[in-house]
Protein backbone atom coordinates (compact mmCIF):
# COMPACT_ATOMS: atom_id res chain seq x y z
CA MET A 1 -6.71 -49.31 81.98
CA THR A 2 -5.93 -52.99 82.89
CA THR A 3 -8.88 -55.43 82.95
CA TYR A 4 -8.71 -59.46 83.31
CA ARG A 5 -11.75 -61.94 83.51
CA SER A 6 -12.77 -63.55 86.82
CA ALA A 7 -13.64 -67.03 87.37
CA ASP A 8 -17.50 -66.08 86.67
CA GLY A 9 -16.53 -65.00 83.13
CA ARG A 10 -17.19 -61.20 84.10
CA TRP A 11 -14.86 -58.26 83.41
CA LEU A 12 -12.81 -57.09 86.60
CA MET A 13 -10.33 -54.13 86.92
CA ALA A 14 -7.12 -54.36 88.50
CA ASP A 15 -8.48 -53.43 91.76
CA GLY A 16 -11.03 -55.75 91.76
CA ARG A 17 -13.97 -53.46 90.88
CA TYR A 18 -16.38 -53.72 87.86
CA PRO A 19 -16.04 -51.41 84.98
CA LYS A 20 -18.86 -48.97 84.84
CA SER A 21 -18.77 -48.13 81.08
CA ARG A 22 -18.43 -51.63 79.95
CA PRO A 23 -22.10 -52.83 78.59
CA SER A 24 -23.93 -56.02 80.33
CA HIS A 25 -23.73 -58.92 78.13
CA SER A 26 -26.99 -60.25 79.52
CA ALA A 27 -28.79 -57.03 78.13
CA LEU A 28 -27.36 -57.09 74.86
CA ARG A 29 -27.93 -60.59 74.41
CA LEU A 30 -31.61 -59.84 75.47
CA VAL A 31 -31.80 -57.31 72.71
CA ILE A 32 -30.41 -59.62 70.23
CA HIS A 33 -32.87 -62.53 70.85
CA TYR A 34 -35.60 -60.11 70.92
CA LEU A 35 -34.90 -58.71 67.24
CA ILE A 36 -34.37 -62.49 66.14
CA GLY A 37 -37.73 -63.14 67.52
CA LEU A 38 -39.17 -60.32 65.68
CA ALA A 39 -37.43 -61.42 62.39
CA VAL A 40 -38.72 -64.59 62.75
CA LEU A 41 -42.26 -63.77 63.26
CA ALA A 42 -42.27 -61.11 60.51
CA LEU A 43 -41.07 -63.70 58.13
CA SER A 44 -43.73 -66.51 59.29
CA GLU A 45 -46.49 -63.64 58.73
CA SER A 46 -45.24 -62.90 55.11
CA ALA A 47 -45.06 -66.59 54.31
CA THR A 48 -48.81 -66.96 55.68
CA LEU A 49 -49.96 -63.80 53.59
CA ALA A 50 -48.20 -65.18 50.40
CA ALA A 51 -49.78 -68.58 50.91
CA GLU A 52 -53.21 -67.06 51.39
CA GLY A 53 -52.95 -64.22 48.81
CA SER A 54 -52.11 -60.92 50.35
CA PRO A 55 -54.49 -58.10 49.99
CA LEU A 56 -51.71 -55.78 49.32
CA GLU A 57 -50.77 -57.31 45.89
CA PRO A 58 -51.12 -54.93 42.84
CA SER A 59 -53.79 -57.38 41.46
CA ASN A 60 -55.96 -57.07 44.69
CA LEU A 61 -55.54 -53.49 44.81
CA VAL A 62 -56.97 -52.52 41.59
CA SER A 63 -60.06 -55.13 41.81
CA PRO A 64 -63.35 -53.85 41.68
CA GLN A 65 -64.11 -54.95 45.17
CA SER A 66 -61.17 -52.90 46.61
CA LEU A 67 -61.82 -50.01 44.49
CA SER A 68 -65.31 -49.35 45.44
CA ALA A 69 -64.57 -49.54 49.12
CA SER A 70 -61.74 -47.08 48.97
CA LEU A 71 -63.29 -44.71 46.49
CA PRO A 72 -66.06 -43.02 48.94
CA TRP A 73 -63.20 -42.73 51.63
CA LEU A 74 -61.06 -40.76 48.91
CA ILE A 75 -63.66 -38.60 47.87
CA GLY A 76 -64.65 -37.80 51.35
CA ALA A 77 -61.05 -36.98 52.43
CA THR A 78 -60.73 -34.57 49.21
CA VAL A 79 -63.96 -32.92 50.29
CA LEU A 80 -62.68 -32.46 53.76
CA SER A 81 -59.34 -30.96 52.44
CA ILE A 82 -61.24 -28.37 50.63
CA VAL A 83 -64.01 -27.68 53.16
CA PRO A 84 -61.82 -24.88 55.08
CA ALA A 85 -61.11 -23.23 51.70
CA VAL A 86 -64.73 -22.97 50.48
CA LEU A 87 -65.62 -21.51 53.97
CA LEU A 88 -63.12 -18.79 53.74
CA MET A 89 -64.05 -17.91 50.25
CA SER A 90 -67.73 -17.71 51.17
CA THR A 91 -67.07 -15.36 53.92
CA CYS A 92 -65.78 -11.57 53.98
CA PHE A 93 -62.20 -13.05 55.01
CA VAL A 94 -60.88 -12.10 51.47
CA ARG A 95 -61.97 -8.40 52.13
CA PHE A 96 -60.62 -8.41 55.84
CA SER A 97 -57.51 -9.66 54.61
CA VAL A 98 -56.60 -7.36 51.29
CA VAL A 99 -57.65 -4.07 53.28
CA LEU A 100 -55.39 -4.79 56.29
CA GLY A 101 -52.52 -6.02 53.92
CA LEU A 102 -52.92 -2.69 51.99
CA LEU A 103 -53.11 -0.61 55.17
CA ARG A 104 -49.75 -2.19 56.31
CA GLN A 105 -48.28 -1.26 53.22
CA ALA A 106 -49.44 2.23 53.68
CA LEU A 107 -48.11 2.64 56.91
CA GLY A 108 -44.75 1.36 56.04
CA THR A 109 -44.60 -1.08 58.78
CA GLN A 110 -43.76 -4.65 57.01
CA GLN A 111 -42.22 -5.93 60.04
CA VAL A 112 -44.26 -4.73 62.76
CA LEU A 113 -47.51 -6.73 61.86
CA PRO A 114 -46.54 -9.89 60.56
CA ASN A 115 -48.67 -12.15 58.22
CA GLN A 116 -49.72 -14.37 61.20
CA VAL A 117 -51.05 -11.33 62.98
CA LEU A 118 -53.02 -10.17 59.94
CA MET A 119 -54.37 -13.42 59.10
CA ALA A 120 -55.48 -14.18 62.59
CA LEU A 121 -57.04 -10.69 63.12
CA SER A 122 -58.90 -11.13 59.69
CA MET A 123 -60.06 -14.54 60.62
CA PHE A 124 -61.47 -13.02 64.16
CA LEU A 125 -63.17 -10.40 62.49
CA THR A 126 -64.72 -12.75 59.81
CA PHE A 127 -66.06 -14.93 62.85
CA THR A 128 -67.62 -12.01 64.04
CA VAL A 129 -69.61 -10.83 61.05
CA MET A 130 -70.40 -14.33 59.93
CA ALA A 131 -71.60 -15.77 63.43
CA PRO A 132 -75.37 -14.88 62.49
CA VAL A 133 -75.02 -16.28 59.19
CA TRP A 134 -73.53 -19.65 60.52
CA GLN A 135 -75.98 -19.62 63.43
CA GLU A 136 -79.03 -19.60 60.95
CA SER A 137 -77.54 -21.97 58.80
CA TYR A 138 -77.13 -24.53 61.72
CA GLU A 139 -80.57 -23.88 62.98
CA THR A 140 -82.43 -24.33 59.77
CA GLY A 141 -80.13 -26.93 57.97
CA TRP A 142 -78.07 -28.96 60.13
CA LYS A 143 -80.05 -29.12 63.34
CA PRO A 144 -83.03 -30.63 61.71
CA TYR A 145 -81.23 -33.09 59.80
CA ALA A 146 -79.37 -34.37 62.49
CA GLN A 147 -82.52 -34.48 64.91
CA SER A 148 -84.43 -36.24 62.04
CA ALA A 149 -82.04 -39.27 62.68
CA ASN A 150 -83.80 -40.06 65.80
CA GLY A 151 -87.43 -39.17 64.56
CA PRO A 152 -89.86 -41.28 62.57
CA THR A 153 -88.71 -39.99 59.16
CA THR A 154 -85.02 -39.63 58.44
CA ALA A 155 -84.06 -36.52 56.17
CA THR A 156 -81.50 -37.12 53.46
CA PHE A 157 -78.53 -34.88 52.94
CA GLU A 158 -79.81 -33.72 49.57
CA GLU A 159 -82.75 -32.27 51.15
CA ALA A 160 -80.88 -30.63 53.95
CA LEU A 161 -78.28 -29.13 51.76
CA PRO A 162 -80.27 -26.32 50.26
CA LYS A 163 -81.48 -25.29 53.58
CA LEU A 164 -78.02 -25.24 55.02
CA LEU A 165 -76.60 -23.09 52.18
CA ALA A 166 -79.67 -20.52 52.02
CA PRO A 167 -78.34 -18.03 54.57
CA ILE A 168 -74.68 -18.42 53.10
CA ARG A 169 -76.22 -17.70 49.63
CA ARG A 170 -78.52 -14.68 50.94
CA PHE A 171 -75.33 -13.20 52.60
CA MET A 172 -73.35 -13.60 49.42
CA SER A 173 -75.84 -12.24 47.08
CA ARG A 174 -76.55 -9.38 49.50
CA GLN A 175 -72.82 -8.19 49.50
CA ILE A 176 -72.89 -8.58 45.66
CA GLU A 177 -75.68 -6.40 45.40
CA THR A 178 -74.65 -3.87 48.00
CA ALA A 179 -71.30 -3.62 46.26
CA GLY A 180 -72.95 -3.03 42.75
CA ASN A 181 -70.80 -6.14 41.24
CA THR A 182 -73.74 -7.98 39.50
CA ASP A 183 -71.71 -7.87 36.25
CA GLY A 184 -69.65 -10.64 37.67
CA VAL A 185 -72.68 -12.67 37.96
CA TRP A 186 -73.69 -12.43 34.62
CA MET A 187 -70.48 -12.82 33.28
CA LEU A 188 -69.93 -16.08 34.85
CA LEU A 189 -73.38 -17.29 34.29
CA ASP A 190 -72.81 -16.59 30.41
CA LEU A 191 -69.46 -18.68 30.37
CA GLN A 192 -71.12 -21.63 32.34
CA ARG A 193 -74.05 -21.57 29.76
CA GLN A 194 -71.38 -21.35 26.81
CA ARG A 195 -69.47 -24.01 28.11
CA ALA A 196 -72.47 -26.53 28.79
CA GLY A 197 -74.08 -25.27 25.45
CA GLU A 198 -77.09 -24.05 27.17
CA THR A 199 -77.79 -21.14 25.02
CA ASP A 200 -81.74 -21.20 25.57
CA THR A 201 -82.08 -21.26 29.07
CA PRO A 202 -84.26 -18.67 30.53
CA GLU A 203 -82.57 -15.83 32.49
CA PRO A 204 -82.75 -16.07 36.55
CA GLN A 205 -85.47 -14.03 37.93
CA SER A 206 -83.48 -13.79 41.39
CA TYR A 207 -80.09 -15.07 43.10
CA ASP A 208 -82.20 -18.12 44.07
CA ASP A 209 -82.03 -19.02 40.29
CA VAL A 210 -78.56 -18.45 40.10
CA PRO A 211 -76.40 -21.95 40.66
CA THR A 212 -73.78 -21.83 43.66
CA THR A 213 -71.18 -22.85 41.29
CA VAL A 214 -71.64 -19.36 39.66
CA LEU A 215 -72.41 -17.38 42.78
CA LEU A 216 -69.62 -18.46 44.69
CA PRO A 217 -66.77 -17.12 42.26
CA ALA A 218 -68.91 -13.92 41.81
CA PHE A 219 -69.00 -13.07 45.33
CA LEU A 220 -65.16 -13.65 45.38
CA LEU A 221 -64.51 -11.53 42.64
CA SER A 222 -66.88 -9.07 44.24
CA GLU A 223 -64.82 -9.04 47.70
CA LEU A 224 -61.47 -8.92 46.00
CA LYS A 225 -62.72 -5.59 43.80
CA THR A 226 -64.36 -4.21 47.20
CA GLY A 227 -61.39 -5.23 49.36
CA PHE A 228 -58.98 -3.29 46.72
CA LEU A 229 -61.21 -0.31 46.66
CA ILE A 230 -61.22 0.20 50.23
CA GLY A 231 -57.76 -0.46 50.69
CA PHE A 232 -57.10 2.26 48.13
CA GLN A 233 -58.96 4.86 49.77
CA LEU A 234 -57.10 4.33 52.83
CA PHE A 235 -53.82 4.17 50.87
CA LEU A 236 -54.31 7.35 49.11
CA PRO A 237 -53.90 9.84 51.97
CA PHE A 238 -50.59 8.14 53.15
CA LEU A 239 -49.36 8.94 49.08
CA VAL A 240 -50.57 12.47 49.86
CA ILE A 241 -48.43 12.95 52.98
CA ASP A 242 -45.32 11.67 51.34
């Protein structure tokens, strides 16, 4: 295709028409000027920060003021990341997922029920079972704590936390007692005492005296054991038929 430059400096085809595929030089110059302006602005900002002492310097990042300001945010983000796992481990989600997984193995339908379907079914069943417990926890623990912000006296989170955990702890202890898995509580309690060197600590009289750090893993072990027992009872008839 033959082209030539017109009197105004623009490209023309042999028949006098402007080529459609050739880019506009004015738009290209505008983009180049915009990029140059951004580069100049970035260089001026970096020079200003270097003169004033940028907070991104390593010496400023490890200063006591910077660490004291960022450490609470780091701890809060870490706690929020493990909250879903703690909520699932303190419910009957583990039991439902184990039983449904073993039932799928017994039926021999590995592709009919994907893992996403089993997890969703286990989660919705868990919500159904745990709804009264969570409602009681909200009414007795979180709601008074939130309402105290507008009252004459403001409750602290340390005061609201035991009330918030009380319904969940009762649920876990009741499931452990019903399944007959109290040995796990004593085993974990003895391990904690040996690790802390507290051999003369009096024995707990009820589950209210058992720390949450002991009750939670004991409940998880109890749910795993109960889930496998229920799943094996469902699996056994299919083995006999085969």
